[in-house]
C-alpha atoms as a PDB file:
ATOM      1  CA  UNK A   1     165.483 -65.538-112.759  1.00  0.00           C
ATOM      2  CA  UNK A   2     163.692 -64.140-115.822  1.00  0.00           C
ATOM      3  CA  UNK A   3     163.783 -60.379-116.237  1.00  0.00           C
ATOM      4  CA  UNK A   4     160.657 -58.956-117.919  1.00  0.00           C
ATOM      5  CA  UNK A   5     160.454 -55.684-119.872  1.00  0.00           C
ATOM      6  CA  UNK A   6     159.711 -52.591-117.779  1.00  0.00           C
ATOM      7  CA  UNK A   7     156.339 -51.996-119.513  1.00  0.00           C
ATOM      8  CA  UNK A   8     155.190 -55.499-118.610  1.00  0.00           C
ATOM      9  CA  UNK A   9     156.354 -55.115-114.998  1.00  0.00           C
ATOM     10  CA  UNK A  10     154.626 -51.715-114.708  1.00  0.00           C
ATOM     11  CA  UNK A  11     151.339 -53.264-115.901  1.00  0.00           C
ATOM     12  CA  UNK A  12     151.676 -56.148-113.410  1.00  0.00           C
ATOM     13  CA  UNK A  13     152.310 -53.645-110.626  1.00  0.00           C
ATOM     14  CA  UNK A  14     149.257 -51.551-111.536  1.00  0.00           C
ATOM     15  CA  UNK A  15     146.988 -54.599-111.911  1.00  0.00           C
ATOM     16  CA  UNK A  16     148.096 -55.943-108.532  1.00  0.00           C
ATOM     17  CA  UNK A  17     146.775 -52.739-106.910  1.00  0.00           C
ATOM     18  CA  UNK A  18     143.219 -53.688-107.864  1.00  0.00           C
ATOM     19  CA  UNK A  19     141.108 -55.192-105.058  1.00  0.00           C
ATOM     20  CA  UNK A  20     141.309 -58.977-104.954  1.00  0.00           C
ATOM     21  CA  UNK A  21     144.161 -59.140-107.466  1.00  0.00           C
ATOM     22  CA  UNK A  22     147.422 -60.517-106.137  1.00  0.00           C
ATOM     23  CA  UNK A  23     150.787 -60.641-107.860  1.00  0.00           C
ATOM     24  CA  UNK A  24     150.226 -63.978-109.626  1.00  0.00           C
ATOM     25  CA  UNK A  25     146.772 -62.994-110.906  1.00  0.00           C
ATOM     26  CA  UNK A  26     148.159 -59.643-112.077  1.00  0.00           C
ATOM     27  CA  UNK A  27     150.920 -61.433-113.967  1.00  0.00           C
ATOM     28  CA  UNK A  28     148.403 -63.852-115.517  1.00  0.00           C
ATOM     29  CA  UNK A  29     146.230 -60.909-116.648  1.00  0.00           C
ATOM     30  CA  UNK A  30     149.256 -59.116-118.104  1.00  0.00           C
ATOM     31  CA  UNK A  31     150.230 -62.219-120.095  1.00  0.00           C
ATOM     32  CA  UNK A  32     146.629 -62.536-121.315  1.00  0.00           C
ATOM     33  CA  UNK A  33     146.632 -58.916-122.527  1.00  0.00           C
ATOM     34  CA  UNK A  34     150.013 -59.432-124.166  1.00  0.00           C
ATOM     35  CA  UNK A  35     148.688 -62.446-126.125  1.00  0.00           C
ATOM     36  CA  UNK A  36     145.403 -60.745-127.050  1.00  0.00           C
ATOM     37  CA  UNK A  37     144.864 -58.834-130.260  1.00  0.00           C
ATOM     38  CA  UNK A  38     146.377 -55.350-129.942  1.00  0.00           C
ATOM     39  CA  UNK A  39     142.890 -53.925-130.553  1.00  0.00           C
ATOM     40  CA  UNK A  40     141.632 -55.596-127.337  1.00  0.00           C
ATOM     41  CA  UNK A  41     144.413 -54.038-125.245  1.00  0.00           C
ATOM     42  CA  UNK A  42     143.765 -50.654-126.888  1.00  0.00           C
ATOM     43  CA  UNK A  43     140.014 -50.961-126.181  1.00  0.00           C
ATOM     44  CA  UNK A  44     140.801 -51.651-122.522  1.00  0.00           C
ATOM     45  CA  UNK A  45     143.110 -48.628-122.393  1.00  0.00           C
ATOM     46  CA  UNK A  46     140.410 -46.419-123.965  1.00  0.00           C
ATOM     47  CA  UNK A  47     137.841 -47.734-121.481  1.00  0.00           C
ATOM     48  CA  UNK A  48     140.114 -46.901-118.553  1.00  0.00           C
ATOM     49  CA  UNK A  49     140.778 -43.406-119.921  1.00  0.00           C
ATOM     50  CA  UNK A  50     137.049 -42.756-120.502  1.00  0.00           C
ATOM     51  CA  UNK A  51     136.197 -43.996-117.002  1.00  0.00           C
ATOM     52  CA  UNK A  52     137.414 -40.757-115.446  1.00  0.00           C
ATOM     53  CA  UNK A  53     136.728 -38.381-118.322  1.00  0.00           C
ATOM     54  CA  UNK A  54     133.060 -39.314-118.877  1.00  0.00           C
ATOM     55  CA  UNK A  55     131.892 -40.625-115.491  1.00  0.00           C
ATOM     56  CA  UNK A  56     130.660 -38.260-112.829  1.00  0.00           C
ATOM     57  CA  UNK A  57     128.455 -38.221-109.753  1.00  0.00           C
ATOM     58  CA  UNK A  58     124.771 -37.504-110.268  1.00  0.00           C
ATOM     59  CA  UNK A  59     123.986 -33.995-109.047  1.00  0.00           C
ATOM     60  CA  UNK A  60     121.040 -35.264-107.002  1.00  0.00           C
ATOM     61  CA  UNK A  61     121.714 -38.772-105.696  1.00  0.00           C
ATOM     62  CA  UNK A  62     125.515 -39.132-106.222  1.00  0.00           C
ATOM     63  CA  UNK A  63     125.204 -42.350-108.243  1.00  0.00           C
ATOM     64  CA  UNK A  64     127.397 -42.825-111.305  1.00  0.00           C
ATOM     65  CA  UNK A  65     126.283 -40.885-114.355  1.00  0.00           C
ATOM     66  CA  UNK A  66     127.488 -39.442-117.622  1.00  0.00           C
ATOM     67  CA  UNK A  67     125.092 -36.469-117.350  1.00  0.00           C
ATOM     68  CA  UNK A  68     124.109 -33.956-114.659  1.00  0.00           C
ATOM     69  CA  UNK A  69     121.431 -36.391-113.408  1.00  0.00           C
ATOM     70  CA  UNK A  70     121.682 -40.184-113.537  1.00  0.00           C
ATOM     71  CA  UNK A  71     119.265 -42.374-115.469  1.00  0.00           C
ATOM     72  CA  UNK A  72     117.172 -43.177-112.367  1.00  0.00           C
ATOM     73  CA  UNK A  73     116.801 -39.527-111.331  1.00  0.00           C
ATOM     74  CA  UNK A  74     115.799 -38.579-114.900  1.00  0.00           C
ATOM     75  CA  UNK A  75     113.125 -41.309-115.111  1.00  0.00           C
ATOM     76  CA  UNK A  76     109.692 -39.698-114.538  1.00  0.00           C
ATOM     77  CA  UNK A  77     108.092 -43.109-113.926  1.00  0.00           C
ATOM     78  CA  UNK A  78     110.092 -43.620-110.708  1.00  0.00           C
ATOM     79  CA  UNK A  79     108.328 -42.996-107.380  1.00  0.00           C
ATOM     80  CA  UNK A  80     109.666 -39.567-106.398  1.00  0.00           C
ATOM     81  CA  UNK A  81     108.349 -39.899-102.829  1.00  0.00           C
ATOM     82  CA  UNK A  82     110.448 -42.961-101.958  1.00  0.00           C
ATOM     83  CA  UNK A  83     114.210 -42.734-101.443  1.00  0.00           C
ATOM     84  CA  UNK A  84     116.478 -45.719-100.834  1.00  0.00           C
ATOM     85  CA  UNK A  85     119.701 -44.778 -99.046  1.00  0.00           C
ATOM     86  CA  UNK A  86     122.710 -46.955 -99.906  1.00  0.00           C
ATOM     87  CA  UNK A  87     126.429 -46.763 -99.275  1.00  0.00           C
ATOM     88  CA  UNK A  88     127.949 -47.088-102.753  1.00  0.00           C
ATOM     89  CA  UNK A  89     126.987 -47.306-106.467  1.00  0.00           C
ATOM     90  CA  UNK A  90     127.452 -51.108-106.417  1.00  0.00           C
ATOM     91  CA  UNK A  91     124.711 -51.354-103.761  1.00  0.00           C
ATOM     92  CA  UNK A  92     122.220 -49.394-105.894  1.00  0.00           C
ATOM     93  CA  UNK A  93     123.098 -51.663-108.837  1.00  0.00           C
ATOM     94  CA  UNK A  94     122.414 -54.758-106.717  1.00  0.00           C
ATOM     95  CA  UNK A  95     118.990 -53.432-105.705  1.00  0.00           C
ATOM     96  CA  UNK A  96     118.150 -52.462-109.295  1.00  0.00           C
ATOM     97  CA  UNK A  97     118.841 -56.031-110.454  1.00  0.00           C
ATOM     98  CA  UNK A  98     115.996 -57.293-108.239  1.00  0.00           C
ATOM     99  CA  UNK A  99     113.402 -55.148-109.994  1.00  0.00           C
ATOM    100  CA  UNK A 100     111.675 -54.641-106.597  1.00  0.00           C
ATOM    101  CA  UNK A 101     112.394 -50.974-106.027  1.00  0.00           C
ATOM    102  CA  UNK A 102     110.786 -48.270-108.188  1.00  0.00           C
ATOM    103  CA  UNK A 103     111.800 -45.143-106.252  1.00  0.00           C
ATOM    104  CA  UNK A 104     114.917 -42.982-106.176  1.00  0.00           C
ATOM    105  CA  UNK A 105     118.304 -43.508-104.542  1.00  0.00           C
ATOM    106  CA  UNK A 106     120.645 -41.497-102.374  1.00  0.00           C
ATOM    107  CA  UNK A 107     124.257 -42.625-102.070  1.00  0.00           C
ATOM    108  CA  UNK A 108     126.147 -41.785 -98.906  1.00  0.00           C
ATOM    109  CA  UNK A 109     129.489 -42.754-100.479  1.00  0.00           C
ATOM    110  CA  UNK A 110     130.560 -44.561 -97.323  1.00  0.00           C
ATOM    111  CA  UNK A 111     129.457 -45.218 -93.748  1.00  0.00           C
ATOM    112  CA  UNK A 112     130.151 -43.722 -90.361  1.00  0.00           C
ATOM    113  CA  UNK A 113     133.402 -45.131 -89.049  1.00  0.00           C
ATOM    114  CA  UNK A 114     134.901 -43.103 -86.200  1.00  0.00           C
ATOM    115  CA  UNK A 115     137.859 -45.483 -85.910  1.00  0.00           C
ATOM    116  CA  UNK A 116     138.754 -44.659 -89.513  1.00  0.00           C
ATOM    117  CA  UNK A 117     138.076 -40.953 -89.087  1.00  0.00           C
ATOM    118  CA  UNK A 118     134.818 -40.978 -91.086  1.00  0.00           C
ATOM    119  CA  UNK A 119     132.163 -38.772 -89.534  1.00  0.00           C
ATOM    120  CA  UNK A 120     128.786 -37.429 -90.750  1.00  0.00           C
ATOM    121  CA  UNK A 121     130.471 -34.505 -92.509  1.00  0.00           C
ATOM    122  CA  UNK A 122     132.413 -36.972 -94.702  1.00  0.00           C
ATOM    123  CA  UNK A 123     129.239 -38.560 -96.105  1.00  0.00           C
ATOM    124  CA  UNK A 124     126.400 -37.186 -98.246  1.00  0.00           C
ATOM    125  CA  UNK A 125     124.116 -36.825 -95.204  1.00  0.00           C
ATOM    126  CA  UNK A 126     123.656 -33.046 -95.410  1.00  0.00           C
ATOM    127  CA  UNK A 127     122.614 -33.451 -99.052  1.00  0.00           C
ATOM    128  CA  UNK A 128     120.110 -36.179 -98.094  1.00  0.00           C
ATOM    129  CA  UNK A 129     118.500 -33.960 -95.456  1.00  0.00           C
ATOM    130  CA  UNK A 130     118.246 -31.131 -97.990  1.00  0.00           C
ATOM    131  CA  UNK A 131     116.525 -33.452-100.490  1.00  0.00           C
ATOM    132  CA  UNK A 132     114.049 -34.475 -97.809  1.00  0.00           C
ATOM    133  CA  UNK A 133     113.231 -30.860 -96.996  1.00  0.00           C
ATOM    134  CA  UNK A 134     112.982 -29.761-100.650  1.00  0.00           C
ATOM    135  CA  UNK A 135     110.586 -32.445-101.941  1.00  0.00           C
ATOM    136  CA  UNK A 136     107.608 -34.330-100.515  1.00  0.00           C
ATOM    137  CA  UNK A 137     109.067 -37.700 -99.480  1.00  0.00           C
ATOM    138  CA  UNK A 138     106.831 -40.425 -98.061  1.00  0.00           C
ATOM    139  CA  UNK A 139     109.453 -43.035 -97.131  1.00  0.00           C
ATOM    140  CA  UNK A 140     113.196 -43.347 -96.688  1.00  0.00           C
ATOM    141  CA  UNK A 141     114.502 -46.916 -96.919  1.00  0.00           C
ATOM    142  CA  UNK A 142     117.833 -47.392 -95.182  1.00  0.00           C
ATOM    143  CA  UNK A 143     119.704 -50.040 -97.173  1.00  0.00           C
ATOM    144  CA  UNK A 144     123.166 -49.778 -95.681  1.00  0.00           C
ATOM    145  CA  UNK A 145     125.103 -53.011 -95.278  1.00  0.00           C
ATOM    146  CA  UNK A 146     124.219 -55.145 -92.237  1.00  0.00           C
ATOM    147  CA  UNK A 147     127.630 -54.710 -90.598  1.00  0.00           C
ATOM    148  CA  UNK A 148     128.627 -52.590 -87.592  1.00  0.00           C
ATOM    149  CA  UNK A 149     129.274 -49.421 -89.620  1.00  0.00           C
ATOM    150  CA  UNK A 150     126.146 -49.880 -91.752  1.00  0.00           C
ATOM    151  CA  UNK A 151     123.933 -50.416 -88.700  1.00  0.00           C
ATOM    152  CA  UNK A 152     125.416 -47.392 -86.901  1.00  0.00           C
ATOM    153  CA  UNK A 153     124.874 -45.258 -89.998  1.00  0.00           C
ATOM    154  CA  UNK A 154     121.260 -46.446 -90.350  1.00  0.00           C
ATOM    155  CA  UNK A 155     120.489 -45.661 -86.702  1.00  0.00           C
ATOM    156  CA  UNK A 156     122.119 -42.240 -86.987  1.00  0.00           C
ATOM    157  CA  UNK A 157     120.070 -41.415 -90.098  1.00  0.00           C
ATOM    158  CA  UNK A 158     116.849 -42.710 -88.541  1.00  0.00           C
ATOM    159  CA  UNK A 159     117.345 -40.378 -85.567  1.00  0.00           C
ATOM    160  CA  UNK A 160     117.833 -37.428 -87.922  1.00  0.00           C
ATOM    161  CA  UNK A 161     114.910 -38.203 -90.245  1.00  0.00           C
ATOM    162  CA  UNK A 162     112.133 -39.469 -87.944  1.00  0.00           C
ATOM    163  CA  UNK A 163     111.345 -36.084 -86.345  1.00  0.00           C
ATOM    164  CA  UNK A 164     110.329 -34.810 -89.803  1.00  0.00           C
ATOM    165  CA  UNK A 165     107.448 -37.316 -89.892  1.00  0.00           C
ATOM    166  CA  UNK A 166     108.822 -39.232 -92.865  1.00  0.00           C
ATOM    167  CA  UNK A 167     108.445 -43.018 -92.624  1.00  0.00           C
ATOM    168  CA  UNK A 168     111.881 -44.602 -92.091  1.00  0.00           C
ATOM    169  CA  UNK A 169     112.329 -48.309 -92.862  1.00  0.00           C
ATOM    170  CA  UNK A 170     115.265 -50.720 -92.906  1.00  0.00           C
ATOM    171  CA  UNK A 171     115.724 -53.754 -95.144  1.00  0.00           C
ATOM    172  CA  UNK A 172     114.378 -56.906 -93.497  1.00  0.00           C
ATOM    173  CA  UNK A 173     116.482 -59.686 -92.067  1.00  0.00           C
ATOM    174  CA  UNK A 174     117.679 -62.276 -94.470  1.00  0.00           C
ATOM    175  CA  UNK A 175     120.784 -60.365 -95.337  1.00  0.00           C
ATOM    176  CA  UNK A 176     123.759 -61.978 -93.624  1.00  0.00           C
ATOM    177  CA  UNK A 177     125.278 -59.968 -90.787  1.00  0.00           C
ATOM    178  CA  UNK A 178     128.661 -58.677 -91.825  1.00  0.00           C
ATOM    179  CA  UNK A 179     127.887 -59.259 -95.518  1.00  0.00           C
ATOM    180  CA  UNK A 180     127.819 -56.792 -98.417  1.00  0.00           C
ATOM    181  CA  UNK A 181     124.809 -56.104-100.641  1.00  0.00           C
ATOM    182  CA  UNK A 182     127.073 -56.542-103.670  1.00  0.00           C
ATOM    183  CA  UNK A 183     127.546 -60.253-102.885  1.00  0.00           C
ATOM    184  CA  UNK A 184     123.961 -61.038-101.835  1.00  0.00           C
ATOM    185  CA  UNK A 185     121.986 -63.179-104.269  1.00  0.00           C
ATOM    186  CA  UNK A 186     119.056 -61.466-106.009  1.00  0.00           C
ATOM    187  CA  UNK A 187     116.316 -63.555-104.350  1.00  0.00           C
ATOM    188  CA  UNK A 188     117.589 -62.893-100.807  1.00  0.00           C
ATOM    189  CA  UNK A 189     117.943 -59.204-101.589  1.00  0.00           C
ATOM    190  CA  UNK A 190     114.450 -59.042-103.132  1.00  0.00           C
ATOM    191  CA  UNK A 191     112.900 -60.727-100.068  1.00  0.00           C
ATOM    192  CA  UNK A 192     114.790 -58.443 -97.695  1.00  0.00           C
ATOM    193  CA  UNK A 193     113.569 -55.460 -99.664  1.00  0.00           C
ATOM    194  CA  UNK A 194     109.941 -56.611 -99.709  1.00  0.00           C
ATOM    195  CA  UNK A 195     110.041 -57.339 -95.956  1.00  0.00           C
ATOM    196  CA  UNK A 196     111.695 -54.102 -94.838  1.00  0.00           C
ATOM    197  CA  UNK A 197     110.593 -52.881 -91.416  1.00  0.00           C
ATOM    198  CA  UNK A 198     110.013 -49.676 -89.550  1.00  0.00           C
ATOM    199  CA  UNK A 199     112.968 -48.477 -87.430  1.00  0.00           C
END
């Protein structure tokens, strides 16, 4: 059996911790980086180091940003009276790709999941309710994933928001049950967004 240098093995181990990357893929990636120009490996290392040093949560919506407020929250042309609630940054990115939504976002950074010990206090729900009370909001679009946790979270939020008189909508059907927004094609997501319905 071939014994590899400890640095190579450490890289394979770290790569295999990434989602969707097994041992063989991690080894293949490590060999690729080893064969690449040293500058490419150094650029990757710098990118990984900068990921945590320069990326932060937006102070308003909790999306990824490199400033106090993210690019969407800083954009004065966005509809300030419409807030789309999503689970994670990747979901906001998927919606942005469609070009259908021109309002603001609010990221919960998860969903309600009592079996996993995730309750309302673990999500950015309190911050959402504060945003709704601080600014005139016309509509809240609940764009959580169409799985059990996403549906439960949407219903919970709808019950909290509706008494305030704000219109609460949910993305229309067309999104596959149990699927993630991240993997939904742009056309399906755009149609679901355009056909959202009152809850």
